[in-house]
Amino acid sequence: MATIMVVDDLVEITNLIGALLAMNGYEIIVGHNGQDGMALLETSAPPALIISNLRMPAMNGFSFLQAVKHDARWRSIPFILMTADDSAAVRQEALAQGADAVLGKPFQPGEILDLIWRLGIQPSDN
């Protein structure tokens, strides 16, 4: 079963995404900021995908993305950055820093599943 890491400081968002992904056959691990995400990467098997919010305390999504993409152990993990600031400038910056996709908030459940499938992550992967 493919494991997806979901990182967001809002528990409601991690619960919503977690439930959606679990209903579609994915295993979920959850962090609440980039530091949590880094700790999970250090202590867990690498996930098939990381979905992270941009604005979080302790370590924001850009810092988390940079840390992941600058470490040879994890740089190949696809990374979706979620943001309420869905401006062209933020999207461009996220993609320039190595995000594979940017998901604007609010989003429809089908949008997140479409992105995951477009990245080739199927429930049986990992």
C-alpha atoms as a PDB file:
ATOM      1  CA  MET A   1       0.000   0.000   0.000  1.00  0.00           C
ATOM      2  CA  ALA A   2       1.393   3.420  -0.935  1.00  0.00           C
ATOM      3  CA  THR A   3       2.142   5.713   1.989  1.00  0.00           C
ATOM      4  CA  ILE A   4       1.503   9.429   1.647  1.00  0.00           C
ATOM      5  CA  MET A   5       2.841  11.971   4.138  1.00  0.00           C
ATOM      6  CA  VAL A   6       0.426  14.840   4.840  1.00  0.00           C
ATOM      7  CA  VAL A   7       1.865  17.882   6.630  1.00  0.00           C
ATOM      8  CA  ASP A   8      -0.393  20.756   7.720  1.00  0.00           C
ATOM      9  CA  ASP A   9      -0.755  22.670  10.975  1.00  0.00           C
ATOM     10  CA  LEU A  10      -4.553  22.455  10.787  1.00  0.00           C
ATOM     11  CA  VAL A  11      -5.748  19.135  12.184  1.00  0.00           C
ATOM     12  CA  GLU A  12      -9.001  19.509  10.233  1.00  0.00           C
ATOM     13  CA  ILE A  13      -7.037  19.513   6.954  1.00  0.00           C
ATOM     14  CA  THR A  14      -4.879  16.504   7.854  1.00  0.00           C
ATOM     15  CA  ASN A  15      -7.998  14.626   9.007  1.00  0.00           C
ATOM     16  CA  LEU A  16      -9.903  15.503   5.813  1.00  0.00           C
ATOM     17  CA  ILE A  17      -7.059  14.556   3.475  1.00  0.00           C
ATOM     18  CA  GLY A  18      -6.223  11.494   5.556  1.00  0.00           C
ATOM     19  CA  ALA A  19      -9.798  10.204   5.388  1.00  0.00           C
ATOM     20  CA  LEU A  20     -10.034  10.865   1.648  1.00  0.00           C
ATOM     21  CA  LEU A  21      -6.771   9.064   0.930  1.00  0.00           C
ATOM     22  CA  ALA A  22      -7.540   6.149   3.267  1.00  0.00           C
ATOM     23  CA  MET A  23     -10.901   5.647   1.494  1.00  0.00           C
ATOM     24  CA  ASN A  24      -8.935   5.409  -1.751  1.00  0.00           C
ATOM     25  CA  GLY A  25      -6.510   2.774  -0.491  1.00  0.00           C
ATOM     26  CA  TYR A  26      -3.537   4.875   0.665  1.00  0.00           C
ATOM     27  CA  GLU A  27      -1.739   4.674   3.997  1.00  0.00           C
ATOM     28  CA  ILE A  28      -1.205   8.050   5.678  1.00  0.00           C
ATOM     29  CA  ILE A  29       1.423   9.492   8.001  1.00  0.00           C
ATOM     30  CA  VAL A  30       0.789  12.964   9.424  1.00  0.00           C
ATOM     31  CA  GLY A  31       2.929  15.863  10.587  1.00  0.00           C
ATOM     32  CA  HIS A  32       1.859  19.331  11.698  1.00  0.00           C
ATOM     33  CA  ASN A  33       4.818  21.377  10.447  1.00  0.00           C
ATOM     34  CA  GLY A  34       7.993  20.896   8.455  1.00  0.00           C
ATOM     35  CA  GLN A  35       9.960  19.836  11.518  1.00  0.00           C
ATOM     36  CA  ASP A  36       7.460  17.018  12.119  1.00  0.00           C
ATOM     37  CA  GLY A  37       7.808  16.053   8.463  1.00  0.00           C
ATOM     38  CA  MET A  38      11.598  15.900   8.709  1.00  0.00           C
ATOM     39  CA  ALA A  39      11.367  13.789  11.876  1.00  0.00           C
ATOM     40  CA  LEU A  40       8.972  11.392  10.124  1.00  0.00           C
ATOM     41  CA  LEU A  41      11.352  11.093   7.165  1.00  0.00           C
ATOM     42  CA  GLU A  42      14.192  10.237   9.537  1.00  0.00           C
ATOM     43  CA  THR A  43      12.216   7.581  11.433  1.00  0.00           C
ATOM     44  CA  SER A  44       9.878   6.042   8.841  1.00  0.00           C
ATOM     45  CA  ALA A  45      10.193   4.330   5.492  1.00  0.00           C
ATOM     46  CA  PRO A  46      10.178   6.972   2.739  1.00  0.00           C
ATOM     47  CA  PRO A  47       6.640   7.803   1.608  1.00  0.00           C
ATOM     48  CA  ALA A  48       5.557   7.551  -2.020  1.00  0.00           C
ATOM     49  CA  LEU A  49       4.455  11.217  -1.884  1.00  0.00           C
ATOM     50  CA  ILE A  50       4.579  14.272   0.388  1.00  0.00           C
ATOM     51  CA  ILE A  51       1.674  16.731   0.530  1.00  0.00           C
ATOM     52  CA  SER A  52       2.552  19.814   2.585  1.00  0.00           C
ATOM     53  CA  ASN A  53       0.944  23.124   3.403  1.00  0.00           C
ATOM     54  CA  LEU A  54       2.950  26.277   2.686  1.00  0.00           C
ATOM     55  CA  ARG A  55       2.224  28.395   5.761  1.00  0.00           C
ATOM     56  CA  MET A  56       2.974  26.539   8.991  1.00  0.00           C
ATOM     57  CA  PRO A  57       4.741  27.369  12.249  1.00  0.00           C
ATOM     58  CA  ALA A  58       8.235  26.099  13.152  1.00  0.00           C
ATOM     59  CA  MET A  59       9.206  25.166   9.570  1.00  0.00           C
ATOM     60  CA  ASN A  60       7.103  26.378   6.652  1.00  0.00           C
ATOM     61  CA  GLY A  61       6.382  24.483   3.462  1.00  0.00           C
ATOM     62  CA  PHE A  62       9.124  26.163   1.402  1.00  0.00           C
ATOM     63  CA  SER A  63      11.760  25.336   4.046  1.00  0.00           C
ATOM     64  CA  PHE A  64      10.470  21.769   4.276  1.00  0.00           C
ATOM     65  CA  LEU A  65      10.480  21.423   0.478  1.00  0.00           C
ATOM     66  CA  GLN A  66      14.067  22.719   0.286  1.00  0.00           C
ATOM     67  CA  ALA A  67      15.224  20.349   3.033  1.00  0.00           C
ATOM     68  CA  VAL A  68      13.629  17.364   1.268  1.00  0.00           C
ATOM     69  CA  LYS A  69      14.949  18.254  -2.188  1.00  0.00           C
ATOM     70  CA  HIS A  70      18.482  18.934  -0.894  1.00  0.00           C
ATOM     71  CA  ASP A  71      18.816  15.501   0.739  1.00  0.00           C
ATOM     72  CA  ALA A  72      19.777  12.662  -1.591  1.00  0.00           C
ATOM     73  CA  ARG A  73      17.715  10.202   0.481  1.00  0.00           C
ATOM     74  CA  TRP A  74      14.451  12.007  -0.257  1.00  0.00           C
ATOM     75  CA  ARG A  75      14.876  14.280  -3.290  1.00  0.00           C
ATOM     76  CA  SER A  76      13.112  11.825  -5.596  1.00  0.00           C
ATOM     77  CA  ILE A  77       9.916  11.798  -3.490  1.00  0.00           C
ATOM     78  CA  PRO A  78       7.194  13.728  -5.334  1.00  0.00           C
ATOM     79  CA  PHE A  79       6.064  16.811  -3.396  1.00  0.00           C
ATOM     80  CA  ILE A  80       2.725  18.643  -3.619  1.00  0.00           C
ATOM     81  CA  LEU A  81       2.644  22.062  -1.961  1.00  0.00           C
ATOM     82  CA  MET A  82      -0.776  23.296  -0.784  1.00  0.00           C
ATOM     83  CA  THR A  83      -1.421  26.997  -0.355  1.00  0.00           C
ATOM     84  CA  ALA A  84      -4.253  29.448   0.214  1.00  0.00           C
ATOM     85  CA  ASP A  85      -2.110  31.982  -1.685  1.00  0.00           C
ATOM     86  CA  ASP A  86      -2.699  30.508  -5.110  1.00  0.00           C
ATOM     87  CA  SER A  87      -1.023  33.390  -6.945  1.00  0.00           C
ATOM     88  CA  ALA A  88       1.113  32.879 -10.019  1.00  0.00           C
ATOM     89  CA  ALA A  89       4.177  34.104  -8.090  1.00  0.00           C
ATOM     90  CA  VAL A  90       3.742  31.507  -5.324  1.00  0.00           C
ATOM     91  CA  ARG A  91       3.112  28.727  -7.854  1.00  0.00           C
ATOM     92  CA  GLN A  92       6.206  29.738  -9.834  1.00  0.00           C
ATOM     93  CA  GLU A  93       8.360  29.864  -6.691  1.00  0.00           C
ATOM     94  CA  ALA A  94       7.118  26.457  -5.505  1.00  0.00           C
ATOM     95  CA  LEU A  95       7.824  24.820  -8.850  1.00  0.00           C
ATOM     96  CA  ALA A  96      11.236  26.533  -9.082  1.00  0.00           C
ATOM     97  CA  GLN A  97      12.137  25.123  -5.657  1.00  0.00           C
ATOM     98  CA  GLY A  98      11.271  21.598  -6.754  1.00  0.00           C
ATOM     99  CA  ALA A  99       7.586  21.063  -5.988  1.00  0.00           C
ATOM    100  CA  ASP A 100       6.003  18.642  -8.440  1.00  0.00           C
ATOM    101  CA  ALA A 101       2.620  20.332  -8.156  1.00  0.00           C
ATOM    102  CA  VAL A 102       0.846  23.148  -6.331  1.00  0.00           C
ATOM    103  CA  LEU A 103      -2.655  22.709  -4.941  1.00  0.00           C
ATOM    104  CA  GLY A 104      -4.668  25.833  -4.183  1.00  0.00           C
ATOM    105  CA  LYS A 105      -6.823  25.939  -1.066  1.00  0.00           C
ATOM    106  CA  PRO A 106      -9.687  25.485  -0.820  1.00  0.00           C
ATOM    107  CA  PHE A 107      -9.746  22.422  -3.050  1.00  0.00           C
ATOM    108  CA  GLN A 108     -12.241  19.791  -4.055  1.00  0.00           C
ATOM    109  CA  PRO A 109     -11.486  16.186  -3.039  1.00  0.00           C
ATOM    110  CA  GLY A 110     -11.235  15.152  -6.680  1.00  0.00           C
ATOM    111  CA  GLU A 111      -8.495  17.721  -7.311  1.00  0.00           C
ATOM    112  CA  ILE A 112      -6.112  16.179  -4.819  1.00  0.00           C
ATOM    113  CA  LEU A 113      -6.788  12.669  -6.108  1.00  0.00           C
ATOM    114  CA  ASP A 114      -6.251  13.825  -9.707  1.00  0.00           C
ATOM    115  CA  LEU A 115      -2.859  15.318  -8.771  1.00  0.00           C
ATOM    116  CA  ILE A 116      -1.812  12.144  -6.986  1.00  0.00           C
ATOM    117  CA  TRP A 117      -2.833   9.983  -9.943  1.00  0.00           C
ATOM    118  CA  ARG A 118      -1.150  12.339 -12.436  1.00  0.00           C
ATOM    119  CA  LEU A 119       2.062  11.920 -10.441  1.00  0.00           C
ATOM    120  CA  GLY A 120       1.648   8.180 -10.926  1.00  0.00           C
ATOM    121  CA  ILE A 121       1.076   7.304  -7.252  1.00  0.00           C
ATOM    122  CA  GLN A 122      -1.278   4.343  -7.050  1.00  0.00           C
ATOM    123  CA  PRO A 123      -2.495   2.775  -3.789  1.00  0.00           C
ATOM    124  CA  SER A 124      -0.375  -0.327  -4.394  1.00  0.00           C
ATOM    125  CA  ASP A 125       2.896   1.678  -4.791  1.00  0.00           C
ATOM    126  CA  ASN A 126       5.757   2.190  -2.302  1.00  0.00           C
END
